[in-house]
Amino acid sequence: MTPIGNPDLTVSFAGIELKNPIIAASGTFGYGIEFEDIVHLDRLGGFDEGFTSYQGHRDFSLDVAAAGGSLYFEPESVVVLQGPPPLAWSDLPLYLLRWSDAWLQPSIRHFAKKWRLSEDDHMLQGGVRFRNAERRKFFRPLQSLAQRVLGWRGRSIADRLIDAFFEGILEPTIVAQLERARLRTSGALGRPSATVLSQAETDA
């Protein structure tokens, strides 16, 4: 018999028994140690690897709420997002993956399926717009030149060319190779989130 005040929250997921349904999401929970002073990691049910680059923070909040936890909003809080330093060539493979469809689209599908949303949901598709803005930063010199010569119309043309370059050339070639290599190296295809990750490889 389960003692009062200590309910059994055990759940089964992909054949694995978890002690509770609170699952931290990859991409937003760091390596776990960053949160150990805030969240007792041994009280979590698991770690959802289905979020490669997007929606992990929302998923974690919804998991907490679904498990009966509380979420708090502090209206006077101030959040500062510090931009990354100039991109080093050694960072390029991760940069290409981080802002690729190979990572973004599986995260969108996973969130939509888990929380019963349409993949076309405006909030979910906001990730595409944010992703496009982030990966265009690598081509800032081109954007600046186009804007100086043709004004904002030139900037818009440059942005469309950058997006087409990523989607038509980089995604199906270099990014696809990087993602396949990552999946092989990590052994991800053998883990519970294999359906999500194998789909990412297929998309790549």
C-alpha atoms as a PDB file:
ATOM      1  CA  MET A   1       0.000   0.000   0.000  1.00  0.00           C
ATOM      2  CA  THR A   2       1.238   3.462  -0.892  1.00  0.00           C
ATOM      3  CA  PRO A   3       1.526   5.776   2.151  1.00  0.00           C
ATOM      4  CA  ILE A   4      -0.685   8.868   2.213  1.00  0.00           C
ATOM      5  CA  GLY A   5       1.323  11.863   1.013  1.00  0.00           C
ATOM      6  CA  ASN A   6       3.684   9.672  -0.991  1.00  0.00           C
ATOM      7  CA  PRO A   7       1.663   8.642  -4.051  1.00  0.00           C
ATOM      8  CA  ASP A   8       2.966   6.179  -6.611  1.00  0.00           C
ATOM      9  CA  LEU A   9       3.691   8.225  -9.751  1.00  0.00           C
ATOM     10  CA  THR A  10       5.426   5.412 -11.629  1.00  0.00           C
ATOM     11  CA  VAL A  11       4.863   5.509 -15.390  1.00  0.00           C
ATOM     12  CA  SER A  12       6.012   3.335 -18.274  1.00  0.00           C
ATOM     13  CA  PHE A  13       7.492   4.977 -21.352  1.00  0.00           C
ATOM     14  CA  ALA A  14       8.863   3.086 -24.373  1.00  0.00           C
ATOM     15  CA  GLY A  15       9.278  -0.006 -22.235  1.00  0.00           C
ATOM     16  CA  ILE A  16      11.180   1.835 -19.508  1.00  0.00           C
ATOM     17  CA  GLU A  17       9.704   2.292 -16.046  1.00  0.00           C
ATOM     18  CA  LEU A  18      10.134   5.819 -14.669  1.00  0.00           C
ATOM     19  CA  LYS A  19       9.435   6.769 -11.077  1.00  0.00           C
ATOM     20  CA  ASN A  20       7.393   9.796 -12.169  1.00  0.00           C
ATOM     21  CA  PRO A  21       6.303  11.506 -15.399  1.00  0.00           C
ATOM     22  CA  ILE A  22       8.459  14.630 -14.943  1.00  0.00           C
ATOM     23  CA  ILE A  23      10.962  14.442 -17.774  1.00  0.00           C
ATOM     24  CA  ALA A  24      13.606  17.086 -18.424  1.00  0.00           C
ATOM     25  CA  ALA A  25      14.013  18.007 -22.073  1.00  0.00           C
ATOM     26  CA  SER A  26      17.256  18.002 -23.973  1.00  0.00           C
ATOM     27  CA  GLY A  27      18.250  21.345 -25.445  1.00  0.00           C
ATOM     28  CA  THR A  28      17.060  23.417 -22.495  1.00  0.00           C
ATOM     29  CA  PHE A  29      18.162  21.495 -19.416  1.00  0.00           C
ATOM     30  CA  GLY A  30      21.877  21.725 -20.158  1.00  0.00           C
ATOM     31  CA  TYR A  31      23.806  18.821 -18.666  1.00  0.00           C
ATOM     32  CA  GLY A  32      21.614  18.734 -15.574  1.00  0.00           C
ATOM     33  CA  ILE A  33      24.310  20.016 -13.227  1.00  0.00           C
ATOM     34  CA  GLU A  34      23.320  23.602 -13.997  1.00  0.00           C
ATOM     35  CA  PHE A  35      19.986  22.959 -12.251  1.00  0.00           C
ATOM     36  CA  GLU A  36      21.068  20.758  -9.371  1.00  0.00           C
ATOM     37  CA  ASP A  37      20.732  23.630  -6.873  1.00  0.00           C
ATOM     38  CA  ILE A  38      17.171  24.279  -8.064  1.00  0.00           C
ATOM     39  CA  VAL A  39      15.802  20.847  -8.937  1.00  0.00           C
ATOM     40  CA  HIS A  40      16.687  17.599  -7.176  1.00  0.00           C
ATOM     41  CA  LEU A  41      17.722  15.600 -10.222  1.00  0.00           C
ATOM     42  CA  ASP A  42      17.018  12.262  -8.551  1.00  0.00           C
ATOM     43  CA  ARG A  43      13.370  13.285  -8.306  1.00  0.00           C
ATOM     44  CA  LEU A  44      12.977  13.546 -12.070  1.00  0.00           C
ATOM     45  CA  GLY A  45      11.389  10.728 -14.015  1.00  0.00           C
ATOM     46  CA  GLY A  46      13.719  10.856 -16.987  1.00  0.00           C
ATOM     47  CA  PHE A  47      15.253  12.933 -19.756  1.00  0.00           C
ATOM     48  CA  ASP A  48      13.386  13.444 -23.024  1.00  0.00           C
ATOM     49  CA  GLU A  49      15.905  13.321 -25.869  1.00  0.00           C
ATOM     50  CA  GLY A  50      13.232  13.987 -28.460  1.00  0.00           C
ATOM     51  CA  PHE A  51      13.829  17.743 -28.275  1.00  0.00           C
ATOM     52  CA  THR A  52      17.034  18.324 -30.161  1.00  0.00           C
ATOM     53  CA  SER A  53      16.821  22.086 -30.390  1.00  0.00           C
ATOM     54  CA  TYR A  54      13.375  23.516 -29.718  1.00  0.00           C
ATOM     55  CA  GLN A  55      10.394  23.549 -27.326  1.00  0.00           C
ATOM     56  CA  GLY A  56      12.227  21.785 -24.506  1.00  0.00           C
ATOM     57  CA  HIS A  57      11.554  24.598 -22.041  1.00  0.00           C
ATOM     58  CA  ARG A  58       7.817  24.576 -22.763  1.00  0.00           C
ATOM     59  CA  ASP A  59       7.695  20.799 -22.571  1.00  0.00           C
ATOM     60  CA  PHE A  60       9.419  20.776 -19.177  1.00  0.00           C
ATOM     61  CA  SER A  61       6.953  23.341 -17.817  1.00  0.00           C
ATOM     62  CA  LEU A  62       3.987  21.354 -19.099  1.00  0.00           C
ATOM     63  CA  ASP A  63       5.409  18.149 -17.595  1.00  0.00           C
ATOM     64  CA  VAL A  64       5.692  19.849 -14.219  1.00  0.00           C
ATOM     65  CA  ALA A  65       2.124  21.133 -14.450  1.00  0.00           C
ATOM     66  CA  ALA A  66       0.831  17.719 -15.577  1.00  0.00           C
ATOM     67  CA  ALA A  67       2.467  16.143 -12.525  1.00  0.00           C
ATOM     68  CA  GLY A  68       0.682  18.576 -10.212  1.00  0.00           C
ATOM     69  CA  GLY A  69       3.582  20.992  -9.771  1.00  0.00           C
ATOM     70  CA  SER A  70       3.362  24.770  -9.705  1.00  0.00           C
ATOM     71  CA  LEU A  71       4.678  27.298 -12.216  1.00  0.00           C
ATOM     72  CA  TYR A  72       5.396  30.872 -11.192  1.00  0.00           C
ATOM     73  CA  PHE A  73       5.624  34.095 -13.177  1.00  0.00           C
ATOM     74  CA  GLU A  74       7.625  37.017 -11.846  1.00  0.00           C
ATOM     75  CA  PRO A  75       6.524  40.156 -13.720  1.00  0.00           C
ATOM     76  CA  GLU A  76       9.481  42.202 -12.455  1.00  0.00           C
ATOM     77  CA  SER A  77      12.108  39.724 -13.542  1.00  0.00           C
ATOM     78  CA  VAL A  78      14.687  40.773 -16.142  1.00  0.00           C
ATOM     79  CA  VAL A  79      16.209  38.267 -18.528  1.00  0.00           C
ATOM     80  CA  VAL A  80      19.354  39.107 -20.470  1.00  0.00           C
ATOM     81  CA  LEU A  81      20.180  37.000 -23.515  1.00  0.00           C
ATOM     82  CA  GLN A  82      23.832  37.421 -24.366  1.00  0.00           C
ATOM     83  CA  GLY A  83      24.681  36.884 -28.006  1.00  0.00           C
ATOM     84  CA  PRO A  84      27.319  34.318 -28.930  1.00  0.00           C
ATOM     85  CA  PRO A  85      30.903  35.352 -29.719  1.00  0.00           C
ATOM     86  CA  PRO A  86      32.080  35.394 -33.330  1.00  0.00           C
ATOM     87  CA  LEU A  87      31.699  31.933 -34.816  1.00  0.00           C
ATOM     88  CA  ALA A  88      34.925  29.927 -34.963  1.00  0.00           C
ATOM     89  CA  TRP A  89      35.444  27.485 -37.824  1.00  0.00           C
ATOM     90  CA  SER A  90      35.603  24.646 -35.302  1.00  0.00           C
ATOM     91  CA  ASP A  91      32.046  25.552 -34.219  1.00  0.00           C
ATOM     92  CA  LEU A  92      30.639  25.383 -37.745  1.00  0.00           C
ATOM     93  CA  PRO A  93      29.430  21.728 -37.674  1.00  0.00           C
ATOM     94  CA  LEU A  94      27.416  22.290 -34.484  1.00  0.00           C
ATOM     95  CA  TYR A  95      26.154  25.634 -35.799  1.00  0.00           C
ATOM     96  CA  LEU A  96      24.847  23.984 -38.969  1.00  0.00           C
ATOM     97  CA  LEU A  97      23.111  21.248 -36.983  1.00  0.00           C
ATOM     98  CA  ARG A  98      21.746  23.561 -34.282  1.00  0.00           C
ATOM     99  CA  TRP A  99      19.910  25.694 -36.835  1.00  0.00           C
ATOM    100  CA  SER A 100      18.941  22.930 -39.261  1.00  0.00           C
ATOM    101  CA  ASP A 101      15.647  21.296 -40.174  1.00  0.00           C
ATOM    102  CA  ALA A 102      17.258  18.005 -39.163  1.00  0.00           C
ATOM    103  CA  TRP A 103      17.046  19.176 -35.548  1.00  0.00           C
ATOM    104  CA  LEU A 104      14.136  21.629 -35.668  1.00  0.00           C
ATOM    105  CA  GLN A 105      11.448  19.590 -37.422  1.00  0.00           C
ATOM    106  CA  PRO A 106      11.731  16.465 -35.213  1.00  0.00           C
ATOM    107  CA  SER A 107      11.407  18.725 -32.158  1.00  0.00           C
ATOM    108  CA  ILE A 108       8.246  20.285 -33.599  1.00  0.00           C
ATOM    109  CA  ARG A 109       6.751  16.885 -34.463  1.00  0.00           C
ATOM    110  CA  HIS A 110       7.635  15.459 -31.057  1.00  0.00           C
ATOM    111  CA  PHE A 111       6.055  18.369 -29.169  1.00  0.00           C
ATOM    112  CA  ALA A 112       2.954  18.353 -31.370  1.00  0.00           C
ATOM    113  CA  LYS A 113       2.413  14.617 -30.917  1.00  0.00           C
ATOM    114  CA  LYS A 114       3.102  14.645 -27.187  1.00  0.00           C
ATOM    115  CA  TRP A 115       0.764  17.552 -26.430  1.00  0.00           C
ATOM    116  CA  ARG A 116      -1.789  16.832 -29.179  1.00  0.00           C
ATOM    117  CA  LEU A 117      -1.212  19.943 -31.238  1.00  0.00           C
ATOM    118  CA  SER A 118      -1.121  20.504 -34.964  1.00  0.00           C
ATOM    119  CA  GLU A 119       2.374  20.754 -36.397  1.00  0.00           C
ATOM    120  CA  ASP A 120       1.123  23.888 -38.166  1.00  0.00           C
ATOM    121  CA  ASP A 121       0.411  25.566 -34.831  1.00  0.00           C
ATOM    122  CA  HIS A 122       1.526  29.219 -35.025  1.00  0.00           C
ATOM    123  CA  MET A 123       3.553  28.947 -31.828  1.00  0.00           C
ATOM    124  CA  LEU A 124       5.406  25.863 -33.054  1.00  0.00           C
ATOM    125  CA  GLN A 125       6.105  27.355 -36.465  1.00  0.00           C
ATOM    126  CA  GLY A 126       7.579  30.378 -34.718  1.00  0.00           C
ATOM    127  CA  GLY A 127      10.634  28.174 -34.327  1.00  0.00           C
ATOM    128  CA  VAL A 128      11.149  28.241 -38.088  1.00  0.00           C
ATOM    129  CA  ARG A 129      11.155  32.040 -38.153  1.00  0.00           C
ATOM    130  CA  PHE A 130      13.513  32.220 -35.180  1.00  0.00           C
ATOM    131  CA  ARG A 131      15.797  29.586 -36.692  1.00  0.00           C
ATOM    132  CA  ASN A 132      15.987  31.433 -40.011  1.00  0.00           C
ATOM    133  CA  ALA A 133      16.955  34.671 -38.252  1.00  0.00           C
ATOM    134  CA  GLU A 134      19.689  32.909 -36.276  1.00  0.00           C
ATOM    135  CA  ARG A 135      21.371  31.151 -39.170  1.00  0.00           C
ATOM    136  CA  ARG A 136      21.321  34.289 -41.304  1.00  0.00           C
ATOM    137  CA  LYS A 137      23.710  35.849 -38.778  1.00  0.00           C
ATOM    138  CA  PHE A 138      26.575  33.888 -40.314  1.00  0.00           C
ATOM    139  CA  PHE A 139      26.069  35.970 -43.474  1.00  0.00           C
ATOM    140  CA  ARG A 140      25.852  39.390 -41.851  1.00  0.00           C
ATOM    141  CA  PRO A 141      28.451  40.919 -44.211  1.00  0.00           C
ATOM    142  CA  LEU A 142      26.275  39.930 -47.182  1.00  0.00           C
ATOM    143  CA  GLN A 143      23.171  41.312 -45.486  1.00  0.00           C
ATOM    144  CA  SER A 144      24.902  44.608 -44.699  1.00  0.00           C
ATOM    145  CA  LEU A 145      26.240  44.978 -48.240  1.00  0.00           C
ATOM    146  CA  ALA A 146      22.843  44.277 -49.798  1.00  0.00           C
ATOM    147  CA  GLN A 147      21.188  46.781 -47.466  1.00  0.00           C
ATOM    148  CA  ARG A 148      23.728  49.503 -48.237  1.00  0.00           C
ATOM    149  CA  VAL A 149      23.285  49.049 -51.974  1.00  0.00           C
ATOM    150  CA  LEU A 150      19.550  48.414 -52.257  1.00  0.00           C
ATOM    151  CA  GLY A 151      18.143  49.390 -48.874  1.00  0.00           C
ATOM    152  CA  TRP A 152      15.736  47.133 -47.017  1.00  0.00           C
ATOM    153  CA  ARG A 153      14.656  45.584 -50.314  1.00  0.00           C
ATOM    154  CA  GLY A 154      18.231  44.395 -50.759  1.00  0.00           C
ATOM    155  CA  ARG A 155      18.268  43.003 -47.225  1.00  0.00           C
ATOM    156  CA  SER A 156      15.083  41.067 -47.941  1.00  0.00           C
ATOM    157  CA  ILE A 157      16.570  39.630 -51.134  1.00  0.00           C
ATOM    158  CA  ALA A 158      19.730  38.628 -49.279  1.00  0.00           C
ATOM    159  CA  ASP A 159      17.682  36.882 -46.590  1.00  0.00           C
ATOM    160  CA  ARG A 160      15.767  34.872 -49.180  1.00  0.00           C
ATOM    161  CA  LEU A 161      18.999  33.859 -50.911  1.00  0.00           C
ATOM    162  CA  ILE A 162      20.526  32.761 -47.592  1.00  0.00           C
ATOM    163  CA  ASP A 163      17.442  30.678 -46.753  1.00  0.00           C
ATOM    164  CA  ALA A 164      17.490  29.074 -50.198  1.00  0.00           C
ATOM    165  CA  PHE A 165      21.213  28.296 -49.817  1.00  0.00           C
ATOM    166  CA  PHE A 166      20.609  26.530 -46.514  1.00  0.00           C
ATOM    167  CA  GLU A 167      17.524  24.635 -47.629  1.00  0.00           C
ATOM    168  CA  GLY A 168      18.592  23.752 -51.163  1.00  0.00           C
ATOM    169  CA  ILE A 169      22.324  23.108 -50.729  1.00  0.00           C
ATOM    170  CA  LEU A 170      23.524  22.780 -47.132  1.00  0.00           C
ATOM    171  CA  GLU A 171      20.603  20.817 -45.644  1.00  0.00           C
ATOM    172  CA  PRO A 172      20.559  17.901 -48.129  1.00  0.00           C
ATOM    173  CA  THR A 173      24.359  17.588 -48.283  1.00  0.00           C
ATOM    174  CA  ILE A 174      26.606  18.752 -45.441  1.00  0.00           C
ATOM    175  CA  VAL A 175      23.931  18.892 -42.727  1.00  0.00           C
ATOM    176  CA  ALA A 176      22.579  15.454 -43.688  1.00  0.00           C
ATOM    177  CA  GLN A 177      26.073  13.967 -43.401  1.00  0.00           C
ATOM    178  CA  LEU A 178      26.699  15.625 -40.042  1.00  0.00           C
ATOM    179  CA  GLU A 179      23.404  14.351 -38.632  1.00  0.00           C
ATOM    180  CA  ARG A 180      23.971  10.788 -39.826  1.00  0.00           C
ATOM    181  CA  ALA A 181      27.449  10.836 -38.296  1.00  0.00           C
ATOM    182  CA  ARG A 182      26.044  12.176 -35.011  1.00  0.00           C
ATOM    183  CA  LEU A 183      23.386   9.477 -34.831  1.00  0.00           C
ATOM    184  CA  ARG A 184      25.901   6.728 -35.536  1.00  0.00           C
ATOM    185  CA  THR A 185      28.407   8.057 -33.016  1.00  0.00           C
ATOM    186  CA  SER A 186      25.870   8.563 -30.234  1.00  0.00           C
ATOM    187  CA  GLY A 187      24.113   5.258 -30.804  1.00  0.00           C
ATOM    188  CA  ALA A 188      20.877   7.252 -30.697  1.00  0.00           C
ATOM    189  CA  LEU A 189      19.046   4.839 -32.942  1.00  0.00           C
ATOM    190  CA  GLY A 190      19.003   2.259 -30.182  1.00  0.00           C
ATOM    191  CA  ARG A 191      17.501   4.466 -27.470  1.00  0.00           C
ATOM    192  CA  PRO A 192      13.801   4.986 -26.571  1.00  0.00           C
ATOM    193  CA  SER A 193      13.575   8.161 -28.662  1.00  0.00           C
ATOM    194  CA  ALA A 194      14.708   6.236 -31.739  1.00  0.00           C
ATOM    195  CA  THR A 195      11.488   6.916 -33.629  1.00  0.00           C
ATOM    196  CA  VAL A 196      12.071  10.651 -33.384  1.00  0.00           C
ATOM    197  CA  LEU A 197      15.783  10.473 -34.127  1.00  0.00           C
ATOM    198  CA  SER A 198      15.464   8.032 -36.993  1.00  0.00           C
ATOM    199  CA  GLN A 199      12.890  10.374 -38.507  1.00  0.00           C
ATOM    200  CA  ALA A 200      15.440  13.184 -38.228  1.00  0.00           C
ATOM    201  CA  GLU A 201      17.915  11.056 -40.158  1.00  0.00           C
ATOM    202  CA  THR A 202      15.282  10.356 -42.788  1.00  0.00           C
ATOM    203  CA  ASP A 203      14.508  14.067 -43.117  1.00  0.00           C
ATOM    204  CA  ALA A 204      18.222  14.800 -43.482  1.00  0.00           C
END
